[in-house]
N, C-alpha and C. Protein backbone atom coordinates (compact mmCIF):
# COMPACT_ATOMS: atom_id res chain seq x y z
N MET A 1 5.96 2.77 -4.37
CA MET A 1 4.83 2.16 -3.71
C MET A 1 3.79 3.21 -3.31
N THR A 2 4.24 4.39 -2.98
CA THR A 2 3.30 5.42 -2.52
C THR A 2 2.89 6.37 -3.63
N GLY A 3 3.52 6.25 -4.81
CA GLY A 3 3.20 7.15 -5.91
C GLY A 3 1.77 6.96 -6.38
N PHE A 4 1.00 8.00 -6.35
CA PHE A 4 -0.40 8.03 -6.75
C PHE A 4 -1.31 7.23 -5.84
N ARG A 5 -0.78 6.53 -4.85
CA ARG A 5 -1.60 5.71 -3.96
C ARG A 5 -2.18 6.54 -2.81
N LEU A 6 -1.43 7.51 -2.33
CA LEU A 6 -1.83 8.28 -1.16
C LEU A 6 -2.35 9.67 -1.51
N ALA A 7 -1.88 10.19 -2.61
CA ALA A 7 -2.27 11.52 -3.08
C ALA A 7 -1.80 11.62 -4.53
N TRP A 8 -2.30 12.61 -5.23
CA TRP A 8 -1.89 12.79 -6.63
C TRP A 8 -0.37 12.89 -6.71
N GLY A 9 0.26 13.54 -5.76
CA GLY A 9 1.71 13.68 -5.73
C GLY A 9 2.38 12.65 -4.84
N GLY A 10 1.67 11.61 -4.45
CA GLY A 10 2.25 10.55 -3.63
C GLY A 10 2.58 11.00 -2.22
N ALA A 11 3.33 10.17 -1.52
CA ALA A 11 3.73 10.48 -0.15
C ALA A 11 4.57 11.75 -0.11
N GLN A 12 5.34 11.99 -1.17
CA GLN A 12 6.19 13.19 -1.18
C GLN A 12 5.36 14.45 -1.13
N GLU A 13 4.16 14.45 -1.72
CA GLU A 13 3.27 15.61 -1.63
C GLU A 13 2.79 15.81 -0.20
N ILE A 14 2.36 14.73 0.43
CA ILE A 14 1.85 14.80 1.79
C ILE A 14 2.93 15.25 2.77
N MET A 15 4.15 14.76 2.58
CA MET A 15 5.25 15.06 3.50
C MET A 15 6.02 16.32 3.13
N GLY A 16 5.68 16.92 2.00
CA GLY A 16 6.38 18.13 1.59
C GLY A 16 7.82 17.88 1.17
N ILE A 17 8.08 16.74 0.56
CA ILE A 17 9.43 16.36 0.14
C ILE A 17 9.58 16.61 -1.36
N LYS A 18 10.68 17.21 -1.76
CA LYS A 18 11.00 17.37 -3.19
C LYS A 18 12.17 16.43 -3.47
N PRO A 19 11.87 15.25 -4.05
CA PRO A 19 12.91 14.24 -4.25
C PRO A 19 13.85 14.57 -5.40
N ASP A 20 15.03 13.97 -5.35
CA ASP A 20 15.95 14.05 -6.47
C ASP A 20 15.41 13.23 -7.64
N LEU A 21 14.88 12.04 -7.32
CA LEU A 21 14.30 11.14 -8.31
C LEU A 21 13.00 10.56 -7.75
N SER A 22 12.05 10.35 -8.61
CA SER A 22 10.82 9.64 -8.25
C SER A 22 10.70 8.44 -9.15
N CYS A 23 10.35 7.30 -8.57
CA CYS A 23 10.18 6.07 -9.33
C CYS A 23 8.76 5.58 -9.14
N PHE A 24 8.13 5.13 -10.21
CA PHE A 24 6.76 4.66 -10.18
C PHE A 24 6.68 3.27 -10.78
N GLY A 25 5.87 2.44 -10.18
CA GLY A 25 5.70 1.08 -10.64
C GLY A 25 4.41 0.91 -11.41
N LYS A 26 3.84 -0.25 -11.24
CA LYS A 26 2.73 -0.65 -12.11
C LYS A 26 1.46 0.18 -11.98
N ILE A 27 1.35 1.07 -11.01
CA ILE A 27 0.15 1.91 -10.94
C ILE A 27 0.04 2.77 -12.19
N ILE A 28 1.17 3.19 -12.74
CA ILE A 28 1.08 4.01 -13.95
C ILE A 28 0.76 3.17 -15.19
N GLY A 29 0.66 1.86 -15.00
CA GLY A 29 0.25 0.98 -16.08
C GLY A 29 -1.09 0.33 -15.77
N GLY A 30 -1.83 0.91 -14.82
CA GLY A 30 -3.12 0.33 -14.47
C GLY A 30 -2.98 -1.09 -13.94
N GLY A 31 -1.84 -1.39 -13.30
CA GLY A 31 -1.59 -2.72 -12.78
C GLY A 31 -0.78 -3.60 -13.72
N LEU A 32 -0.59 -3.15 -14.95
CA LEU A 32 0.21 -3.91 -15.92
C LEU A 32 1.69 -3.56 -15.75
N PRO A 33 2.58 -4.42 -16.23
CA PRO A 33 4.01 -4.19 -16.00
C PRO A 33 4.58 -3.01 -16.78
N VAL A 34 4.87 -1.97 -16.06
CA VAL A 34 5.52 -0.79 -16.62
C VAL A 34 6.08 0.01 -15.44
N GLY A 35 7.03 0.80 -15.68
CA GLY A 35 7.59 1.67 -14.65
C GLY A 35 8.03 2.97 -15.28
N ALA A 36 8.23 3.95 -14.44
CA ALA A 36 8.71 5.24 -14.93
C ALA A 36 9.49 5.91 -13.82
N PHE A 37 10.33 6.83 -14.21
CA PHE A 37 11.06 7.63 -13.23
C PHE A 37 11.24 9.02 -13.80
N GLY A 38 11.47 9.94 -12.92
CA GLY A 38 11.71 11.32 -13.33
C GLY A 38 12.39 12.05 -12.19
N GLY A 39 13.00 13.14 -12.50
CA GLY A 39 13.69 13.86 -11.44
C GLY A 39 14.22 15.20 -11.90
N ARG A 40 15.16 15.69 -11.11
CA ARG A 40 15.77 16.99 -11.41
C ARG A 40 16.42 16.96 -12.79
N ARG A 41 16.40 18.12 -13.42
CA ARG A 41 16.95 18.22 -14.78
C ARG A 41 18.41 17.76 -14.84
N ASP A 42 19.24 18.13 -13.88
CA ASP A 42 20.65 17.75 -13.95
C ASP A 42 20.83 16.23 -13.90
N ILE A 43 19.93 15.54 -13.23
CA ILE A 43 20.01 14.08 -13.20
C ILE A 43 19.45 13.50 -14.49
N MET A 44 18.31 13.97 -14.90
CA MET A 44 17.68 13.43 -16.11
C MET A 44 18.53 13.72 -17.36
N ASP A 45 19.28 14.81 -17.36
CA ASP A 45 20.16 15.12 -18.49
C ASP A 45 21.32 14.15 -18.61
N MET A 46 21.51 13.29 -17.61
CA MET A 46 22.56 12.27 -17.67
C MET A 46 22.13 11.10 -18.56
N LEU A 47 20.84 11.04 -18.89
CA LEU A 47 20.35 9.95 -19.73
C LEU A 47 20.60 10.23 -21.20
N ALA A 48 20.85 9.17 -21.97
CA ALA A 48 21.02 9.30 -23.42
C ALA A 48 19.70 9.82 -24.00
N PRO A 49 19.71 10.62 -25.00
CA PRO A 49 20.85 10.91 -25.86
C PRO A 49 21.70 12.08 -25.38
N LEU A 50 21.26 12.80 -24.31
CA LEU A 50 22.05 13.94 -23.83
C LEU A 50 23.26 13.52 -23.01
N GLY A 51 23.14 12.45 -22.26
CA GLY A 51 24.20 12.05 -21.35
C GLY A 51 24.68 10.63 -21.61
N PRO A 52 25.59 10.16 -20.75
CA PRO A 52 26.24 8.86 -20.97
C PRO A 52 25.45 7.65 -20.46
N VAL A 53 24.35 7.85 -19.79
CA VAL A 53 23.61 6.72 -19.21
C VAL A 53 22.52 6.26 -20.17
N TYR A 54 22.61 5.01 -20.57
CA TYR A 54 21.64 4.44 -21.50
C TYR A 54 20.55 3.75 -20.69
N GLN A 55 19.31 3.97 -21.05
CA GLN A 55 18.17 3.34 -20.38
C GLN A 55 17.22 2.84 -21.44
N ALA A 56 16.82 1.58 -21.32
CA ALA A 56 15.84 0.99 -22.23
C ALA A 56 15.18 -0.17 -21.51
N GLY A 57 14.08 -0.63 -22.06
CA GLY A 57 13.40 -1.77 -21.46
C GLY A 57 12.49 -2.43 -22.46
N THR A 58 12.27 -3.72 -22.29
CA THR A 58 11.43 -4.50 -23.19
C THR A 58 10.03 -3.92 -23.28
N LEU A 59 9.50 -3.49 -22.16
CA LEU A 59 8.12 -2.99 -22.13
C LEU A 59 8.04 -1.46 -22.17
N SER A 60 9.13 -0.80 -22.45
CA SER A 60 9.10 0.66 -22.51
C SER A 60 8.09 1.12 -23.55
N GLY A 61 7.15 1.94 -23.12
CA GLY A 61 6.16 2.48 -24.04
C GLY A 61 5.12 1.48 -24.50
N ASN A 62 4.96 0.35 -23.79
CA ASN A 62 3.97 -0.66 -24.17
C ASN A 62 2.60 -0.01 -24.27
N PRO A 63 1.97 -0.05 -25.45
CA PRO A 63 0.71 0.68 -25.64
C PRO A 63 -0.44 0.20 -24.75
N LEU A 64 -0.51 -1.10 -24.47
CA LEU A 64 -1.59 -1.60 -23.61
C LEU A 64 -1.41 -1.08 -22.19
N ALA A 65 -0.21 -1.21 -21.64
CA ALA A 65 0.04 -0.76 -20.27
C ALA A 65 -0.14 0.75 -20.16
N LEU A 66 0.33 1.49 -21.13
CA LEU A 66 0.22 2.94 -21.06
C LEU A 66 -1.22 3.40 -21.22
N SER A 67 -2.01 2.72 -22.04
CA SER A 67 -3.43 3.06 -22.15
C SER A 67 -4.16 2.80 -20.84
N ALA A 68 -3.86 1.65 -20.23
CA ALA A 68 -4.47 1.33 -18.93
C ALA A 68 -4.02 2.33 -17.88
N GLY A 69 -2.75 2.67 -17.89
CA GLY A 69 -2.23 3.65 -16.93
C GLY A 69 -2.87 5.01 -17.07
N LEU A 70 -3.03 5.47 -18.31
CA LEU A 70 -3.69 6.76 -18.52
C LEU A 70 -5.12 6.75 -18.00
N ALA A 71 -5.82 5.64 -18.18
CA ALA A 71 -7.19 5.54 -17.67
C ALA A 71 -7.21 5.63 -16.15
N VAL A 72 -6.27 4.94 -15.49
CA VAL A 72 -6.19 4.99 -14.02
C VAL A 72 -5.84 6.40 -13.57
N LEU A 73 -4.87 7.01 -14.20
CA LEU A 73 -4.46 8.35 -13.78
C LEU A 73 -5.57 9.37 -13.98
N ARG A 74 -6.36 9.21 -15.02
CA ARG A 74 -7.51 10.12 -15.20
C ARG A 74 -8.49 9.98 -14.04
N GLU A 75 -8.73 8.76 -13.60
CA GLU A 75 -9.63 8.53 -12.46
C GLU A 75 -9.05 9.11 -11.18
N LEU A 76 -7.75 8.97 -11.01
CA LEU A 76 -7.10 9.43 -9.78
C LEU A 76 -7.01 10.95 -9.68
N ARG A 77 -7.18 11.65 -10.78
CA ARG A 77 -7.16 13.11 -10.76
C ARG A 77 -8.24 13.66 -9.85
N SER A 78 -9.29 12.87 -9.64
CA SER A 78 -10.40 13.28 -8.78
C SER A 78 -9.98 13.19 -7.32
N LYS A 79 -10.11 14.27 -6.60
CA LYS A 79 -9.74 14.29 -5.17
C LYS A 79 -10.66 13.38 -4.36
N GLU A 80 -11.87 13.07 -4.89
CA GLU A 80 -12.79 12.21 -4.15
C GLU A 80 -12.20 10.82 -3.94
N VAL A 81 -11.41 10.35 -4.89
CA VAL A 81 -10.80 9.02 -4.77
C VAL A 81 -9.91 8.99 -3.53
N TYR A 82 -9.07 9.98 -3.37
CA TYR A 82 -8.14 10.00 -2.23
C TYR A 82 -8.88 10.19 -0.91
N ALA A 83 -9.92 10.99 -0.90
CA ALA A 83 -10.72 11.16 0.31
C ALA A 83 -11.38 9.84 0.70
N ALA A 84 -11.89 9.11 -0.29
CA ALA A 84 -12.53 7.82 -0.02
C ALA A 84 -11.51 6.80 0.48
N LEU A 85 -10.31 6.80 -0.10
CA LEU A 85 -9.26 5.88 0.35
C LEU A 85 -8.85 6.19 1.79
N GLU A 86 -8.72 7.46 2.11
CA GLU A 86 -8.37 7.86 3.48
C GLU A 86 -9.47 7.43 4.45
N GLN A 87 -10.71 7.66 4.08
CA GLN A 87 -11.83 7.28 4.93
C GLN A 87 -11.87 5.77 5.12
N GLY A 88 -11.68 5.02 4.04
CA GLY A 88 -11.66 3.57 4.14
C GLY A 88 -10.52 3.06 5.00
N GLY A 89 -9.35 3.68 4.86
CA GLY A 89 -8.21 3.30 5.68
C GLY A 89 -8.47 3.54 7.15
N ALA A 90 -9.07 4.67 7.47
CA ALA A 90 -9.39 4.99 8.87
C ALA A 90 -10.43 4.02 9.41
N GLN A 91 -11.43 3.68 8.59
CA GLN A 91 -12.46 2.72 9.01
C GLN A 91 -11.83 1.35 9.28
N LEU A 92 -10.94 0.91 8.40
CA LEU A 92 -10.27 -0.37 8.57
C LEU A 92 -9.43 -0.37 9.84
N GLN A 93 -8.64 0.68 10.04
CA GLN A 93 -7.79 0.75 11.21
C GLN A 93 -8.61 0.72 12.50
N GLU A 94 -9.62 1.55 12.58
CA GLU A 94 -10.45 1.60 13.79
C GLU A 94 -11.12 0.25 14.04
N GLY A 95 -11.65 -0.34 13.00
CA GLY A 95 -12.33 -1.63 13.15
C GLY A 95 -11.39 -2.74 13.56
N MET A 96 -10.21 -2.79 12.97
CA MET A 96 -9.24 -3.83 13.30
C MET A 96 -8.74 -3.67 14.74
N GLU A 97 -8.47 -2.43 15.13
CA GLU A 97 -8.01 -2.20 16.50
C GLU A 97 -9.09 -2.55 17.51
N THR A 98 -10.33 -2.22 17.21
CA THR A 98 -11.44 -2.54 18.11
C THR A 98 -11.63 -4.05 18.21
N ALA A 99 -11.58 -4.74 17.07
CA ALA A 99 -11.74 -6.20 17.07
C ALA A 99 -10.63 -6.88 17.86
N ALA A 100 -9.41 -6.42 17.71
CA ALA A 100 -8.29 -7.01 18.45
C ALA A 100 -8.44 -6.75 19.94
N ARG A 101 -8.83 -5.54 20.29
CA ARG A 101 -9.01 -5.18 21.71
C ARG A 101 -10.09 -6.07 22.35
N LYS A 102 -11.21 -6.25 21.64
CA LYS A 102 -12.30 -7.10 22.15
C LYS A 102 -11.84 -8.54 22.36
N ALA A 103 -10.96 -9.01 21.49
CA ALA A 103 -10.46 -10.38 21.59
C ALA A 103 -9.27 -10.50 22.54
N GLY A 104 -8.79 -9.37 23.05
CA GLY A 104 -7.64 -9.39 23.96
C GLY A 104 -6.33 -9.74 23.27
N VAL A 105 -6.21 -9.38 22.00
CA VAL A 105 -5.00 -9.68 21.22
C VAL A 105 -4.14 -8.43 21.12
N ALA A 106 -2.87 -8.57 21.47
CA ALA A 106 -1.93 -7.45 21.35
C ALA A 106 -1.47 -7.36 19.90
N VAL A 107 -1.90 -6.30 19.23
CA VAL A 107 -1.50 -6.09 17.84
C VAL A 107 -1.37 -4.60 17.60
N ARG A 108 -0.36 -4.23 16.87
CA ARG A 108 -0.16 -2.83 16.47
C ARG A 108 -0.53 -2.71 15.00
N PHE A 109 -1.47 -1.83 14.72
CA PHE A 109 -1.94 -1.62 13.35
C PHE A 109 -1.41 -0.27 12.89
N TYR A 110 -0.62 -0.27 11.85
CA TYR A 110 -0.04 0.96 11.31
C TYR A 110 -0.66 1.25 9.96
N ARG A 111 -0.92 2.53 9.71
CA ARG A 111 -1.57 2.91 8.46
C ARG A 111 -1.07 4.27 8.01
N PHE A 112 -0.91 4.39 6.71
CA PHE A 112 -0.63 5.67 6.08
C PHE A 112 -1.56 5.74 4.88
N GLY A 113 -2.62 6.52 5.01
CA GLY A 113 -3.63 6.57 3.95
C GLY A 113 -4.26 5.22 3.76
N SER A 114 -4.14 4.68 2.56
CA SER A 114 -4.75 3.39 2.23
C SER A 114 -3.78 2.23 2.37
N MET A 115 -2.59 2.49 2.87
CA MET A 115 -1.58 1.45 3.08
C MET A 115 -1.59 1.06 4.55
N PHE A 116 -1.43 -0.24 4.84
CA PHE A 116 -1.49 -0.67 6.24
C PHE A 116 -0.65 -1.91 6.47
N CYS A 117 -0.34 -2.16 7.73
CA CYS A 117 0.30 -3.40 8.16
C CYS A 117 0.02 -3.58 9.65
N SER A 118 0.21 -4.79 10.12
CA SER A 118 -0.02 -5.06 11.53
C SER A 118 1.09 -5.95 12.07
N TYR A 119 1.41 -5.74 13.34
CA TYR A 119 2.44 -6.51 14.02
C TYR A 119 1.85 -7.02 15.33
N PHE A 120 1.99 -8.30 15.58
CA PHE A 120 1.47 -8.88 16.80
C PHE A 120 2.49 -8.71 17.92
N CYS A 121 2.31 -7.61 18.64
CA CYS A 121 3.17 -7.27 19.77
C CYS A 121 2.48 -6.17 20.57
N ASP A 122 3.02 -5.86 21.72
CA ASP A 122 2.41 -4.79 22.53
C ASP A 122 3.30 -3.56 22.63
N GLN A 123 4.38 -3.54 21.86
CA GLN A 123 5.30 -2.40 21.85
C GLN A 123 5.25 -1.72 20.48
N PRO A 124 5.52 -0.42 20.44
CA PRO A 124 5.55 0.28 19.14
C PRO A 124 6.64 -0.29 18.23
N ILE A 125 6.39 -0.25 16.95
CA ILE A 125 7.37 -0.68 15.95
C ILE A 125 7.98 0.58 15.35
N ARG A 126 9.27 0.75 15.54
CA ARG A 126 9.95 1.94 15.03
C ARG A 126 11.03 1.61 14.01
N ASN A 127 11.44 0.32 13.99
CA ASN A 127 12.52 -0.07 13.10
C ASN A 127 12.47 -1.59 12.90
N LEU A 128 13.38 -2.11 12.12
CA LEU A 128 13.40 -3.53 11.83
C LEU A 128 13.62 -4.36 13.10
N ALA A 129 14.48 -3.92 13.98
CA ALA A 129 14.73 -4.68 15.21
C ALA A 129 13.43 -4.83 16.01
N ASP A 130 12.64 -3.76 16.11
CA ASP A 130 11.34 -3.84 16.80
C ASP A 130 10.41 -4.81 16.08
N ALA A 131 10.38 -4.72 14.76
CA ALA A 131 9.49 -5.59 13.97
C ALA A 131 9.87 -7.05 14.14
N MET A 132 11.15 -7.33 14.25
CA MET A 132 11.61 -8.71 14.41
C MET A 132 11.19 -9.31 15.74
N LYS A 133 10.85 -8.47 16.71
CA LYS A 133 10.40 -8.95 18.02
C LYS A 133 8.92 -9.32 18.02
N SER A 134 8.21 -8.98 16.95
CA SER A 134 6.78 -9.29 16.88
C SER A 134 6.58 -10.80 16.74
N ASP A 135 5.39 -11.24 17.04
CA ASP A 135 5.06 -12.67 17.00
C ASP A 135 4.67 -13.06 15.57
N ARG A 136 5.66 -13.49 14.81
CA ARG A 136 5.43 -13.83 13.41
C ARG A 136 4.64 -15.12 13.26
N GLU A 137 4.73 -16.00 14.23
CA GLU A 137 3.91 -17.22 14.19
C GLU A 137 2.43 -16.86 14.35
N LYS A 138 2.15 -15.91 15.21
CA LYS A 138 0.77 -15.46 15.38
C LYS A 138 0.29 -14.79 14.10
N PHE A 139 1.16 -14.03 13.44
CA PHE A 139 0.78 -13.42 12.16
C PHE A 139 0.46 -14.51 11.14
N ARG A 140 1.26 -15.57 11.11
CA ARG A 140 1.02 -16.67 10.17
C ARG A 140 -0.36 -17.27 10.42
N ARG A 141 -0.68 -17.52 11.68
CA ARG A 141 -2.00 -18.08 11.99
C ARG A 141 -3.11 -17.10 11.62
N PHE A 142 -2.87 -15.81 11.85
CA PHE A 142 -3.85 -14.78 11.48
C PHE A 142 -4.06 -14.77 9.96
N PHE A 143 -2.96 -14.78 9.23
CA PHE A 143 -3.04 -14.79 7.76
C PHE A 143 -3.89 -15.96 7.27
N HIS A 144 -3.58 -17.17 7.76
CA HIS A 144 -4.31 -18.36 7.30
C HIS A 144 -5.77 -18.33 7.76
N GLY A 145 -6.03 -17.81 8.94
CA GLY A 145 -7.40 -17.67 9.41
C GLY A 145 -8.19 -16.70 8.54
N MET A 146 -7.57 -15.60 8.18
CA MET A 146 -8.23 -14.62 7.31
C MET A 146 -8.49 -15.24 5.94
N LEU A 147 -7.55 -16.01 5.45
CA LEU A 147 -7.72 -16.67 4.16
C LEU A 147 -8.93 -17.61 4.21
N GLU A 148 -9.06 -18.35 5.30
CA GLU A 148 -10.22 -19.24 5.47
C GLU A 148 -11.53 -18.46 5.52
N GLU A 149 -11.46 -17.21 5.96
CA GLU A 149 -12.65 -16.35 6.02
C GLU A 149 -12.89 -15.62 4.70
N GLY A 150 -12.03 -15.88 3.71
CA GLY A 150 -12.23 -15.26 2.40
C GLY A 150 -11.55 -13.92 2.22
N VAL A 151 -10.62 -13.59 3.11
CA VAL A 151 -9.90 -12.31 3.01
C VAL A 151 -8.43 -12.62 2.77
N TYR A 152 -7.93 -12.18 1.64
CA TYR A 152 -6.53 -12.41 1.30
C TYR A 152 -5.70 -11.20 1.68
N LEU A 153 -4.76 -11.41 2.58
CA LEU A 153 -3.79 -10.37 2.97
C LEU A 153 -2.43 -10.78 2.43
N ALA A 154 -1.49 -9.86 2.44
CA ALA A 154 -0.13 -10.20 2.05
C ALA A 154 0.38 -11.28 3.01
N PRO A 155 1.01 -12.33 2.50
CA PRO A 155 1.40 -13.46 3.35
C PRO A 155 2.59 -13.21 4.26
N SER A 156 3.28 -12.12 4.11
CA SER A 156 4.41 -11.80 4.98
C SER A 156 4.06 -10.62 5.88
N GLN A 157 4.42 -10.75 7.12
CA GLN A 157 4.18 -9.66 8.07
C GLN A 157 4.90 -8.39 7.64
N PHE A 158 5.92 -8.53 6.83
CA PHE A 158 6.73 -7.38 6.45
C PHE A 158 6.30 -6.76 5.12
N GLU A 159 5.16 -7.16 4.60
CA GLU A 159 4.60 -6.55 3.39
C GLU A 159 3.46 -5.62 3.78
N ALA A 160 3.26 -4.60 3.00
CA ALA A 160 2.14 -3.69 3.24
C ALA A 160 0.89 -4.24 2.58
N GLY A 161 -0.25 -3.89 3.18
CA GLY A 161 -1.54 -4.16 2.57
C GLY A 161 -2.05 -2.88 1.96
N PHE A 162 -2.93 -2.99 1.00
CA PHE A 162 -3.43 -1.81 0.30
C PHE A 162 -4.93 -1.88 0.11
N LEU A 163 -5.59 -0.78 0.36
CA LEU A 163 -6.98 -0.63 -0.06
C LEU A 163 -6.96 -0.01 -1.44
N SER A 164 -7.97 -0.31 -2.22
CA SER A 164 -8.10 0.33 -3.52
C SER A 164 -9.45 1.02 -3.59
N ALA A 165 -9.67 1.73 -4.66
CA ALA A 165 -10.95 2.41 -4.85
C ALA A 165 -12.10 1.41 -4.97
N ALA A 166 -11.79 0.16 -5.27
CA ALA A 166 -12.82 -0.88 -5.37
C ALA A 166 -13.27 -1.38 -4.01
N HIS A 167 -12.50 -1.11 -2.95
CA HIS A 167 -12.87 -1.53 -1.60
C HIS A 167 -13.79 -0.50 -0.98
N GLY A 168 -15.03 -0.85 -0.85
CA GLY A 168 -16.00 0.04 -0.23
C GLY A 168 -16.28 -0.38 1.20
N GLY A 169 -17.27 0.24 1.81
CA GLY A 169 -17.63 -0.03 3.19
C GLY A 169 -17.97 -1.49 3.45
N ARG A 170 -18.65 -2.13 2.51
CA ARG A 170 -19.05 -3.54 2.68
C ARG A 170 -17.82 -4.44 2.75
N GLU A 171 -16.85 -4.22 1.88
CA GLU A 171 -15.64 -5.04 1.88
C GLU A 171 -14.81 -4.80 3.14
N ILE A 172 -14.76 -3.56 3.56
CA ILE A 172 -14.00 -3.25 4.78
C ILE A 172 -14.67 -3.87 5.99
N GLU A 173 -15.98 -3.79 6.08
CA GLU A 173 -16.70 -4.41 7.20
C GLU A 173 -16.52 -5.92 7.19
N LYS A 174 -16.53 -6.55 6.01
CA LYS A 174 -16.29 -8.00 5.91
C LYS A 174 -14.91 -8.34 6.45
N THR A 175 -13.93 -7.51 6.13
CA THR A 175 -12.56 -7.73 6.60
C THR A 175 -12.50 -7.61 8.12
N ILE A 176 -13.15 -6.60 8.66
CA ILE A 176 -13.15 -6.39 10.11
C ILE A 176 -13.86 -7.55 10.81
N GLU A 177 -15.00 -7.98 10.29
CA GLU A 177 -15.73 -9.12 10.88
C GLU A 177 -14.87 -10.38 10.86
N ALA A 178 -14.22 -10.63 9.73
CA ALA A 178 -13.35 -11.80 9.62
C ALA A 178 -12.22 -11.71 10.63
N ALA A 179 -11.61 -10.54 10.75
CA ALA A 179 -10.51 -10.37 11.71
C ALA A 179 -11.00 -10.60 13.13
N GLY A 180 -12.20 -10.10 13.44
CA GLY A 180 -12.76 -10.34 14.78
C GLY A 180 -12.87 -11.81 15.09
N LYS A 181 -13.34 -12.60 14.12
CA LYS A 181 -13.44 -14.06 14.31
C LYS A 181 -12.05 -14.68 14.50
N VAL A 182 -11.14 -14.29 13.64
CA VAL A 182 -9.80 -14.89 13.67
C VAL A 182 -9.05 -14.49 14.93
N PHE A 183 -9.18 -13.24 15.36
CA PHE A 183 -8.51 -12.81 16.59
C PHE A 183 -8.89 -13.70 17.78
N THR A 184 -10.15 -14.13 17.83
CA THR A 184 -10.58 -14.97 18.97
C THR A 184 -9.94 -16.34 18.97
N THR A 185 -9.36 -16.75 17.83
CA THR A 185 -8.72 -18.07 17.76
C THR A 185 -7.23 -18.01 18.06
N LEU A 186 -6.71 -16.81 18.22
CA LEU A 186 -5.27 -16.68 18.42
C LEU A 186 -4.90 -16.79 19.88
């Protein structure tokens, strides 16, 4: 989920983590169905034809998905994309928190780069037990209110939202304005 979304090296680059295995989803296919994984040589050598683990897939090497993925990865090589995503994420977070505060709504907005989620509660969320204490009915009403305002968010409180390079200041401001309206109805 974080591969290529937060930095060229994903969250592992930002956090300074050297994983045993890395798995990538549809971002490497430009949104089309494809996946990839890679890792330490001793693990990768376990795959056929060198090792006993066989791996194959219907869409392995799909030329359309791989062409789209290469185009996306070429665009992402530019550090400006990640700087813009970080700036947009910060703008969204600040705007959402301000709108909620003005409406008197207790909500915790969490963000890592361009990934975000919100929990309707007044306590920090540190684990699943904390998240389960949030007001999921209020989230449901928020989701449907945002939908009525023309902003589609993930329908589950437990899913992450994502900004993309296509989301500019105008789209982020529209989202914040919509949230401000919806917060007042909660």
